[in-house]
Protein backbone atom coordinates (compact mmCIF):
# COMPACT_ATOMS: atom_id res chain seq x y z
CA MET A 1 3.58 -26.45 12.74
CA LYS A 2 2.52 -25.93 9.16
CA LEU A 3 1.24 -22.26 8.32
CA LYS A 4 -0.25 -21.10 5.20
CA ILE A 5 1.30 -17.77 3.98
CA LEU A 6 -0.01 -15.22 1.87
CA LEU A 7 2.33 -13.62 -0.90
CA PHE A 8 2.10 -10.44 -2.85
CA ALA A 9 3.62 -8.44 -5.60
CA SER A 10 7.25 -9.39 -6.65
CA ILE A 11 7.29 -12.43 -4.08
CA ARG A 12 4.11 -13.90 -5.63
CA SER A 13 5.34 -13.20 -9.11
CA LYS A 14 8.33 -15.26 -8.67
CA LEU A 15 6.84 -18.23 -6.95
CA GLY A 16 3.67 -18.33 -9.21
CA SER A 17 1.41 -18.61 -6.23
CA GLU A 18 -0.38 -16.47 -4.03
CA LEU A 19 -0.43 -18.96 -1.13
CA ILE A 20 2.29 -21.32 0.14
CA ASP A 21 2.43 -23.89 2.94
CA VAL A 22 5.63 -23.60 5.32
CA GLU A 23 6.56 -25.78 8.05
CA VAL A 24 8.24 -24.09 10.81
CA PRO A 25 9.25 -24.82 14.50
CA ASP A 26 6.53 -24.31 17.18
CA ASP A 27 8.41 -21.48 18.58
CA ALA A 28 9.25 -19.66 15.26
CA SER A 29 9.24 -15.82 15.08
CA ALA A 30 8.31 -13.63 12.31
CA ARG A 31 12.07 -13.21 11.53
CA ASP A 32 12.22 -16.97 11.45
CA LEU A 33 9.56 -17.15 8.87
CA LEU A 34 11.46 -15.17 6.40
CA GLN A 35 14.77 -16.93 6.88
CA ILE A 36 12.80 -20.33 6.39
CA ILE A 37 11.13 -19.19 3.21
CA GLY A 38 14.49 -18.06 1.99
CA GLU A 39 15.98 -21.36 2.63
CA CYS A 40 12.97 -23.07 1.05
CA TRP A 41 12.73 -20.99 -2.22
CA PRO A 42 15.98 -19.59 -3.12
CA GLN A 43 14.57 -17.74 -5.77
CA VAL A 44 13.21 -15.05 -3.46
CA ALA A 45 15.96 -15.00 -0.89
CA ASP A 46 17.19 -11.92 -2.07
CA LEU A 47 13.93 -10.11 -1.97
CA LEU A 48 13.07 -11.23 1.90
CA PRO A 49 15.48 -8.94 3.78
CA ALA A 50 13.36 -6.03 2.58
CA CYS A 51 9.98 -7.70 3.58
CA ARG A 52 7.87 -7.75 6.74
CA VAL A 53 5.49 -10.26 8.21
CA ALA A 54 1.83 -9.25 9.06
CA ILE A 55 -0.41 -11.13 11.20
CA ASP A 56 -4.11 -10.80 11.12
CA GLN A 57 -3.71 -7.44 8.65
CA ARG A 58 -0.99 -5.79 11.04
CA PHE A 59 2.83 -5.80 10.91
CA ALA A 60 4.28 -7.94 13.32
CA ASP A 61 7.47 -7.29 15.25
CA PRO A 62 10.60 -9.35 14.00
CA ASP A 63 10.55 -11.46 17.39
CA GLU A 64 6.93 -11.97 17.52
CA ARG A 65 6.09 -15.70 17.81
CA LEU A 66 3.99 -17.35 15.00
CA ARG A 67 0.76 -18.92 15.85
CA GLU A 68 -1.68 -21.33 13.78
CA ARG A 69 -5.40 -20.34 12.82
CA VAL A 70 -4.24 -16.76 12.10
CA GLU A 71 -3.67 -14.88 8.94
CA ILE A 72 0.09 -14.45 7.95
CA ALA A 73 1.23 -12.52 5.08
CA VAL A 74 4.81 -11.80 3.72
CA ILE A 75 4.77 -7.94 2.87
CA PRO A 76 7.18 -6.55 0.22
CA PRO A 77 8.25 -2.99 0.56
CA VAL A 78 5.05 -0.96 -0.06
CA SER A 79 4.34 1.85 -2.55
CA GLY A 80 1.94 4.14 -2.00
CA GLY A 81 -11.15 2.91 1.03
CA HIS A 82 -13.42 0.53 0.28
CA ASP A 83 -16.33 1.45 -2.10
CA GLY A 84 -18.89 3.02 0.04
CA ALA A 85 -16.14 4.56 2.79
CA PRO A 86 -16.03 8.25 1.26
CA ARG A 87 -12.32 8.95 3.02
CA SER A 88 -10.64 5.98 2.56
CA ARG A 89 -11.17 3.98 -0.65
CA ILE A 90 -9.43 1.34 -2.83
CA SER A 91 -11.14 0.88 -6.26
CA VAL A 92 -11.03 -0.77 -9.72
CA ASN A 93 -12.90 1.92 -10.92
CA PRO A 94 -11.75 5.50 -12.01
CA LEU A 95 -11.19 7.89 -9.14
CA GLU A 96 -12.94 11.32 -8.90
CA LEU A 97 -11.44 14.33 -7.64
CA ALA A 98 -14.75 15.96 -6.74
CA ALA A 99 -15.60 13.03 -4.42
CA VAL A 100 -12.29 13.07 -2.54
CA ILE A 101 -12.53 16.94 -2.34
CA ALA A 102 -16.39 16.50 -1.03
CA ALA A 103 -15.19 13.98 1.77
CA VAL A 104 -13.06 16.62 3.41
CA SER A 105 -14.90 19.97 2.81
CA HIS A 106 -16.89 21.18 5.44
CA ARG A 107 -17.76 25.06 6.77
CA GLY A 108 -14.59 25.28 8.67
CA ALA A 109 -12.21 24.28 6.01
CA GLY A 110 -10.59 27.78 4.94
CA GLY A 111 -8.07 25.70 2.77
CA ILE A 112 -8.05 22.39 0.81
CA ASN A 113 -5.19 21.12 -0.98
CA SER A 114 -4.97 18.13 -3.25
CA PHE A 115 -2.40 15.51 -4.84
CA ILE A 116 -3.19 13.44 -7.86
CA GLY A 117 -0.69 11.07 -9.14
CA ASN A 118 -1.24 9.76 -12.50
CA VAL A 119 0.79 7.23 -14.65
CA ARG A 120 3.52 8.86 -16.68
CA GLY A 121 4.43 7.70 -20.04
CA GLN A 122 8.38 7.17 -19.24
CA SER A 123 10.35 5.93 -16.12
CA LYS A 124 13.90 5.69 -16.02
CA GLY A 125 14.37 6.18 -19.94
CA HIS A 126 11.75 3.48 -20.89
CA GLU A 127 8.25 3.94 -22.58
CA ILE A 128 5.72 2.60 -20.28
CA SER A 129 3.10 0.45 -21.62
CA HIS A 130 0.71 0.42 -18.53
CA LEU A 131 0.95 -0.39 -14.74
CA GLU A 132 -0.74 -2.75 -12.69
CA TYR A 133 -1.42 -1.95 -9.14
CA GLU A 134 -1.98 -4.84 -6.54
CA ALA A 135 -3.30 -4.27 -2.83
CA TYR A 136 -3.56 -6.49 0.15
CA GLU A 137 -7.14 -4.83 0.54
CA PRO A 138 -8.05 -5.40 4.04
CA MET A 139 -4.75 -4.38 5.52
CA ALA A 140 -4.26 -1.55 3.14
CA LEU A 141 -7.51 -0.09 3.92
CA ARG A 142 -6.88 -0.30 7.66
CA SER A 143 -3.47 1.28 7.26
CA ILE A 144 -4.88 4.33 5.30
CA ASN A 145 -7.32 4.74 8.20
CA THR A 146 -4.78 4.69 10.66
CA ILE A 147 -2.83 7.35 8.55
CA ILE A 148 -5.72 9.78 8.43
CA ASP A 149 -6.44 9.11 12.07
CA ARG A 150 -2.76 9.98 12.93
CA ILE A 151 -2.39 12.98 10.66
CA GLU A 152 -5.45 14.48 11.86
CA ALA A 153 -4.58 14.05 15.42
CA GLU A 154 -1.31 15.67 14.81
CA ILE A 155 -2.43 18.49 12.72
CA ASP A 156 -4.95 20.83 14.35
CA GLY A 157 -8.06 20.97 12.32
CA ALA A 158 -6.93 18.77 9.37
CA ARG A 159 -9.26 16.50 7.50
CA LEU A 160 -7.99 13.88 5.22
CA ALA A 161 -9.23 11.68 2.40
CA ILE A 162 -7.18 9.07 0.41
CA HIS A 163 -8.42 7.11 -2.58
CA HIS A 164 -6.27 4.71 -4.71
CA ARG A 165 -6.68 2.45 -7.50
CA GLN A 166 -5.72 -1.17 -8.23
CA GLY A 167 -5.55 -3.27 -11.25
CA ARG A 168 -4.53 -2.44 -14.66
CA LEU A 169 -4.05 1.44 -15.38
CA GLN A 170 -3.03 3.14 -18.84
CA VAL A 171 -0.84 5.97 -19.16
CA GLY A 172 -2.60 9.04 -18.04
CA GLU A 173 -4.79 7.38 -15.61
CA THR A 174 -5.05 8.43 -11.99
CA ALA A 175 -3.45 6.07 -9.51
CA VAL A 176 -4.20 7.90 -6.25
CA ILE A 177 -5.98 11.03 -4.98
CA ILE A 178 -5.15 12.84 -1.71
CA ALA A 179 -7.06 15.80 -0.30
CA ALA A 180 -6.67 17.56 3.05
CA SER A 181 -8.55 20.30 4.47
CA ALA A 182 -7.84 22.75 7.29
CA PRO A 183 -8.64 26.15 8.81
CA HIS A 184 -5.65 27.48 7.17
CA ARG A 185 -3.88 26.69 4.10
CA ALA A 186 -0.40 25.94 5.50
CA ALA A 187 -2.20 23.02 7.60
CA ALA A 188 -3.67 21.71 4.71
CA PHE A 189 -0.55 21.48 2.61
CA GLU A 190 1.26 19.96 5.56
CA ALA A 191 -1.10 17.19 5.76
CA CYS A 192 -1.39 16.59 2.38
CA ARG A 193 2.38 16.23 2.18
CA ALA A 194 2.59 13.81 5.23
CA ALA A 195 -0.13 11.77 3.64
CA ILE A 196 1.32 11.00 0.48
CA GLU A 197 4.78 10.18 2.28
CA ALA A 198 2.83 7.82 4.80
CA LEU A 199 1.10 6.09 1.88
CA LYS A 200 4.21 5.38 0.13
CA ARG A 201 6.07 3.95 3.13
CA GLU A 202 3.10 2.19 5.16
CA VAL A 203 0.46 0.83 2.88
CA PRO A 204 0.62 -2.49 1.28
CA ILE A 205 0.02 -1.59 -2.32
CA TRP A 206 2.45 -2.53 -5.08
CA LYS A 207 2.74 -1.48 -8.60
CA ARG A 208 4.09 -3.51 -11.50
CA GLU A 209 5.63 -1.19 -14.05
CA VAL A 210 5.28 -2.64 -17.54
CA THR A 211 7.58 -0.97 -20.24
CA THR A 212 7.99 -2.03 -23.61
CA THR A 213 11.11 -3.93 -22.79
CA GLY A 214 9.97 -5.63 -19.67
CA GLU A 215 8.38 -5.17 -16.23
CA THR A 216 9.37 -4.45 -12.72
CA TRP A 217 7.87 -4.67 -9.30
CA PHE A 218 7.95 -1.41 -7.32
CA GLY A 219 7.54 -0.78 -3.76
CA ARG A 220 6.99 3.01 -3.93
CA GLY A 221 4.04 5.38 -5.11
CA PRO A 222 3.05 6.58 -8.75
């Protein structure tokens, strides 16, 4: 069967396309798909072992069988709302700390903790020109909401909000803001730390770091 595969970040950049057609056997699995792509496009073969396959905006088990007429994407390691959704947001516009704090504030919030990730001017000894963030937005929003729900269920009384930028950011601009509230400060700190770690690990947002000497795709947060 012939499938259309969405591409992101380093894979898209190397192949020069955000969509490819791949012919696979009728019983092919997600694991088989990555192997077939590597055989057809050797220039990305070294990147594929770290990638995962998403089916209809959820991560697929490696042995899950592929199907026609579904949305399939190859997801490189990720870095880590929608406008109008105050607790989860991905935006091309500048982020506002006050809006994120407001999303978690309530009468029972004895402590509010926040994390702000900004674009730094140097990385690994190189001067940064700018960063470019790319998101698989529908899946990224779903992943952020899953993180919020999971942490709020695990930490008693916690309330979370996560806002992330996409597009081109200059040095000093804010890439991500996380706020966590809870009845007591220890729980607010715990929830905020858990959120940033989960964001970097689970949400399909990538950054391209452009220095004065070149560029690199990264699968981690700001």
